[in-house]
């Protein structure tokens, strides 16, 4: 509108051997979609996205909204999952004191198990990827490429970092942290099952939360979960609360 931006819609064109071609806002992250000052700008953006979906002959257009948007082309809405988010205090002390005693005991067990925690950048990527790819294999889930993590670290050197938990020299839990404006999220995190008895995963998440507080962030986003599912309960024990997630689709076929 003149020289002022009044709306935008970031889209990625994804070509997958498993899932075909599709347009999504945005892949890998759990929330995005249309950002607009008013309904007119919003509808024009969605209209153009639908045109692009037809021009590129993708299977579908996926907009990862938090609140449902009314548009005639968006005929499918998946709202079975929720974002799990935790409001953060200004200092780690109140965060620790607000955790249930069971969670605090598990974090302490991780500390007493001889585990050590490292935080850094691309130099930690081989360790992080060894944990992540092995865990995804065990779950039967296709793994993201090593290049995706490397690109994120290079593109956002001050806002993306890796955290690794080691048992002596062996990486046993790891995560990628992304620090956005006021919100830290953890799009990828994994731990090795055979080290569950050490509570390595609990120590990992405590360090992720502590790091977000150190950065002065207001919210920690644990990612999406199915209500009352295992990951939902895991995140809830840290104090995270559900927030809406409405993924909407224009489906060509």
Protein backbone atom coordinates (compact mmCIF):
# COMPACT_ATOMS: atom_id res chain seq x y z
CA UNK A 1 0.00 0.00 0.00
CA UNK A 2 2.12 2.86 -1.32
CA UNK A 3 5.54 2.41 0.30
CA UNK A 4 4.18 0.50 3.30
CA UNK A 5 4.10 -3.28 3.52
CA UNK A 6 0.67 -4.33 4.75
CA UNK A 7 0.96 -8.11 4.38
CA UNK A 8 3.23 -10.96 3.40
CA UNK A 9 3.13 -14.72 2.97
CA UNK A 10 6.40 -16.70 2.88
CA UNK A 11 6.09 -19.91 0.87
CA UNK A 12 8.46 -22.78 0.18
CA UNK A 13 8.13 -25.11 -2.80
CA UNK A 14 8.90 -28.58 -1.47
CA UNK A 15 9.65 -31.59 -3.68
CA UNK A 16 9.72 -34.83 -1.71
CA UNK A 17 10.26 -38.36 -2.97
CA UNK A 18 7.89 -39.63 -0.27
CA UNK A 19 5.20 -36.95 -0.17
CA UNK A 20 5.28 -35.36 -3.61
CA UNK A 21 5.28 -31.64 -4.35
CA UNK A 22 3.58 -29.02 -2.21
CA UNK A 23 3.68 -25.37 -1.16
CA UNK A 24 3.98 -24.69 2.55
CA UNK A 25 4.35 -21.73 4.87
CA UNK A 26 6.77 -22.73 6.27
CA UNK A 27 8.38 -26.18 6.27
CA UNK A 28 10.34 -27.40 9.31
CA UNK A 29 8.77 -24.70 11.52
CA UNK A 30 5.42 -25.20 13.24
CA UNK A 31 3.82 -21.83 12.69
CA UNK A 32 3.64 -19.17 9.99
CA UNK A 33 1.09 -18.55 7.25
CA UNK A 34 -0.40 -15.20 6.30
CA UNK A 35 0.59 -11.98 8.06
CA UNK A 36 -1.62 -9.05 7.07
CA UNK A 37 -3.04 -5.84 8.48
CA UNK A 38 -6.55 -6.49 7.17
CA UNK A 39 -8.77 -9.00 5.44
CA UNK A 40 -8.30 -7.47 1.99
CA UNK A 41 -4.53 -7.92 2.03
CA UNK A 42 -4.87 -11.37 3.59
CA UNK A 43 -7.29 -12.57 0.90
CA UNK A 44 -5.14 -11.25 -1.94
CA UNK A 45 -2.14 -13.14 -0.57
CA UNK A 46 -4.09 -16.38 -0.27
CA UNK A 47 -5.55 -15.90 -3.76
CA UNK A 48 -2.03 -15.61 -5.17
CA UNK A 49 -0.82 -18.62 -3.18
CA UNK A 50 -3.68 -20.69 -4.62
CA UNK A 51 -2.72 -19.52 -8.13
CA UNK A 52 0.87 -20.56 -7.50
CA UNK A 53 -0.28 -23.98 -6.32
CA UNK A 54 -2.16 -24.43 -9.60
CA UNK A 55 0.72 -23.10 -11.72
CA UNK A 56 3.24 -25.41 -10.03
CA UNK A 57 0.75 -28.32 -10.06
CA UNK A 58 1.48 -29.24 -6.45
CA UNK A 59 -0.66 -31.66 -4.47
CA UNK A 60 -1.70 -29.01 -1.97
CA UNK A 61 -1.03 -25.64 -0.37
CA UNK A 62 -0.42 -25.78 3.40
CA UNK A 63 -0.66 -22.65 5.59
CA UNK A 64 0.47 -23.23 9.17
CA UNK A 65 -1.79 -20.76 10.96
CA UNK A 66 -2.46 -20.47 14.66
CA UNK A 67 -6.01 -19.18 14.17
CA UNK A 68 -8.30 -20.36 11.40
CA UNK A 69 -8.61 -17.98 8.45
CA UNK A 70 -11.83 -17.92 6.43
CA UNK A 71 -11.18 -18.28 2.71
CA UNK A 72 -13.21 -20.30 0.15
CA UNK A 73 -10.14 -22.14 -1.17
CA UNK A 74 -8.98 -23.33 2.28
CA UNK A 75 -11.42 -26.20 2.62
CA UNK A 76 -9.45 -28.40 5.06
CA UNK A 77 -8.30 -27.46 8.56
CA UNK A 78 -6.31 -29.72 10.88
CA UNK A 79 -6.67 -28.60 14.48
CA UNK A 80 -5.91 -31.88 16.24
CA UNK A 81 -2.57 -30.63 17.55
CA UNK A 82 -1.62 -27.71 19.77
CA UNK A 83 1.49 -25.64 20.34
CA UNK A 84 3.03 -26.22 23.76
CA UNK A 85 4.50 -22.97 25.11
CA UNK A 86 6.01 -21.87 28.38
CA UNK A 87 6.19 -18.28 29.57
CA UNK A 88 9.68 -17.61 30.89
CA UNK A 89 10.73 -15.55 33.92
CA UNK A 90 13.60 -13.07 33.86
CA UNK A 91 15.91 -15.38 35.84
CA UNK A 92 16.43 -19.17 36.00
CA UNK A 93 15.66 -19.34 39.75
CA UNK A 94 11.87 -18.86 39.53
CA UNK A 95 11.77 -21.27 36.59
CA UNK A 96 13.53 -23.98 38.61
CA UNK A 97 11.38 -23.39 41.67
CA UNK A 98 8.22 -23.65 39.60
CA UNK A 99 9.05 -27.13 38.30
CA UNK A 100 7.45 -30.19 39.93
CA UNK A 101 9.73 -32.00 42.36
CA UNK A 102 9.80 -35.06 40.07
CA UNK A 103 11.20 -33.01 37.20
CA UNK A 104 13.83 -31.36 39.40
CA UNK A 105 14.90 -34.77 40.73
CA UNK A 106 15.28 -36.12 37.19
CA UNK A 107 17.42 -33.14 36.17
CA UNK A 108 19.59 -33.66 39.27
CA UNK A 109 19.90 -37.34 38.39
CA UNK A 110 21.23 -36.35 34.99
CA UNK A 111 23.79 -34.08 36.63
CA UNK A 112 24.83 -36.85 39.04
CA UNK A 113 25.10 -39.40 36.22
CA UNK A 114 28.35 -37.82 35.07
CA UNK A 115 26.81 -36.20 32.01
CA UNK A 116 28.24 -32.98 30.63
CA UNK A 117 26.60 -30.35 28.44
CA UNK A 118 28.16 -28.44 25.54
CA UNK A 119 26.70 -25.57 23.58
CA UNK A 120 28.02 -24.15 20.32
CA UNK A 121 27.71 -23.99 16.56
CA UNK A 122 28.68 -26.01 13.53
CA UNK A 123 31.59 -27.70 15.29
CA UNK A 124 29.02 -29.72 17.26
CA UNK A 125 26.97 -30.71 14.23
CA UNK A 126 28.49 -34.20 13.70
CA UNK A 127 27.59 -35.14 17.30
CA UNK A 128 24.11 -33.63 17.09
CA UNK A 129 23.36 -35.34 13.79
CA UNK A 130 24.60 -38.72 15.01
CA UNK A 131 22.03 -38.61 17.83
CA UNK A 132 19.23 -37.11 15.75
CA UNK A 133 19.56 -39.43 12.75
CA UNK A 134 19.81 -42.54 14.91
CA UNK A 135 16.71 -41.59 16.89
CA UNK A 136 14.73 -40.84 13.72
CA UNK A 137 15.77 -44.20 12.29
CA UNK A 138 14.56 -45.96 15.44
CA UNK A 139 11.23 -44.13 15.12
CA UNK A 140 10.93 -45.07 11.45
CA UNK A 141 10.85 -41.40 10.42
CA UNK A 142 12.73 -39.94 7.41
CA UNK A 143 15.57 -37.77 8.68
CA UNK A 144 16.34 -34.20 7.65
CA UNK A 145 19.63 -33.77 5.85
CA UNK A 146 22.81 -32.68 7.56
CA UNK A 147 22.85 -29.75 5.15
CA UNK A 148 19.63 -28.31 6.56
CA UNK A 149 21.15 -27.92 10.02
CA UNK A 150 24.41 -26.55 8.61
CA UNK A 151 22.53 -24.00 6.51
CA UNK A 152 20.47 -22.82 9.50
CA UNK A 153 23.61 -22.33 11.58
CA UNK A 154 25.37 -20.42 8.80
CA UNK A 155 22.38 -18.28 7.88
CA UNK A 156 21.54 -17.33 11.47
CA UNK A 157 24.88 -17.40 13.32
CA UNK A 158 23.62 -15.35 16.27
CA UNK A 159 20.16 -16.95 16.54
CA UNK A 160 20.76 -20.67 15.93
CA UNK A 161 22.84 -22.90 18.19
CA UNK A 162 23.36 -26.54 19.08
CA UNK A 163 23.29 -28.20 22.49
CA UNK A 164 24.80 -31.63 23.17
CA UNK A 165 24.68 -33.83 26.27
CA UNK A 166 27.55 -36.32 26.51
CA UNK A 167 28.19 -39.41 28.62
CA UNK A 168 31.95 -39.00 28.85
CA UNK A 169 32.77 -38.52 25.13
CA UNK A 170 29.63 -40.12 23.70
CA UNK A 171 26.82 -37.77 22.58
CA UNK A 172 23.56 -39.11 24.03
CA UNK A 173 21.11 -36.19 23.64
CA UNK A 174 21.11 -33.14 21.39
CA UNK A 175 19.00 -30.28 20.07
CA UNK A 176 18.91 -27.33 17.71
CA UNK A 177 17.73 -24.06 19.29
CA UNK A 178 16.33 -21.16 17.27
CA UNK A 179 16.00 -17.78 19.00
CA UNK A 180 13.38 -15.55 17.39
CA UNK A 181 11.99 -12.19 18.55
CA UNK A 182 11.00 -12.99 22.13
CA UNK A 183 10.47 -16.70 21.43
CA UNK A 184 12.95 -19.60 21.51
CA UNK A 185 11.92 -22.84 19.84
CA UNK A 186 13.43 -26.28 19.52
CA UNK A 187 12.49 -27.67 16.09
CA UNK A 188 14.72 -30.74 16.49
CA UNK A 189 15.72 -32.61 19.64
CA UNK A 190 16.58 -36.26 20.28
CA UNK A 191 18.09 -38.60 22.81
CA UNK A 192 19.32 -42.20 22.66
CA UNK A 193 16.98 -44.70 24.29
CA UNK A 194 19.68 -46.79 25.92
CA UNK A 195 20.65 -43.75 28.01
CA UNK A 196 17.12 -43.04 29.27
CA UNK A 197 18.13 -44.24 32.73
CA UNK A 198 20.59 -41.34 33.01
CA UNK A 199 17.82 -38.73 32.45
CA UNK A 200 19.95 -37.20 29.69
CA UNK A 201 16.85 -35.87 27.94
CA UNK A 202 15.67 -34.10 31.09
CA UNK A 203 19.09 -32.50 31.56
CA UNK A 204 19.03 -31.44 27.91
CA UNK A 205 15.67 -29.69 28.20
CA UNK A 206 16.59 -27.93 31.42
CA UNK A 207 19.66 -26.52 29.66
CA UNK A 208 17.53 -25.44 26.69
CA UNK A 209 15.16 -23.57 28.97
CA UNK A 210 18.00 -22.04 30.95
CA UNK A 211 19.61 -20.84 27.73
CA UNK A 212 16.37 -19.18 26.57
CA UNK A 213 16.15 -17.33 29.89
CA UNK A 214 19.79 -16.23 29.55
CA UNK A 215 18.91 -14.77 26.16
CA UNK A 216 16.11 -12.72 27.74
CA UNK A 217 13.37 -14.56 25.86
CA UNK A 218 9.74 -14.32 26.97
CA UNK A 219 8.48 -17.68 25.67
CA UNK A 220 9.87 -21.16 25.05
CA UNK A 221 8.02 -23.03 22.29
CA UNK A 222 8.30 -26.82 22.72
CA UNK A 223 6.57 -27.43 19.37
CA UNK A 224 3.31 -29.13 18.43
CA UNK A 225 1.79 -32.15 20.13
CA UNK A 226 -1.39 -34.19 20.01
CA UNK A 227 -3.52 -33.38 23.05
CA UNK A 228 -2.88 -35.89 25.86
CA UNK A 229 -0.28 -37.72 23.77
CA UNK A 230 3.14 -38.75 25.16
CA UNK A 231 4.96 -35.62 23.93
CA UNK A 232 2.10 -33.44 25.20
CA UNK A 233 2.51 -34.90 28.67
CA UNK A 234 6.30 -34.55 28.52
CA UNK A 235 6.04 -30.85 27.68
CA UNK A 236 3.24 -30.22 30.16
CA UNK A 237 5.42 -31.39 33.06
CA UNK A 238 7.74 -28.44 32.34
CA UNK A 239 4.83 -26.04 32.75
CA UNK A 240 4.04 -25.61 29.05
CA UNK A 241 0.46 -24.74 28.15
CA UNK A 242 -1.44 -25.49 24.94
CA UNK A 243 -1.99 -22.78 22.31
CA UNK A 244 -4.05 -23.20 19.13
CA UNK A 245 -2.63 -24.57 15.88
CA UNK A 246 -4.79 -24.48 12.74
CA UNK A 247 -3.06 -25.86 9.65
CA UNK A 248 -5.19 -25.03 6.60
CA UNK A 249 -5.10 -26.56 3.12
CA UNK A 250 -6.04 -25.88 -0.45
CA UNK A 251 -6.01 -29.31 -2.06
CA UNK A 252 -5.84 -29.54 -5.83
CA UNK A 253 -6.50 -33.29 -6.17
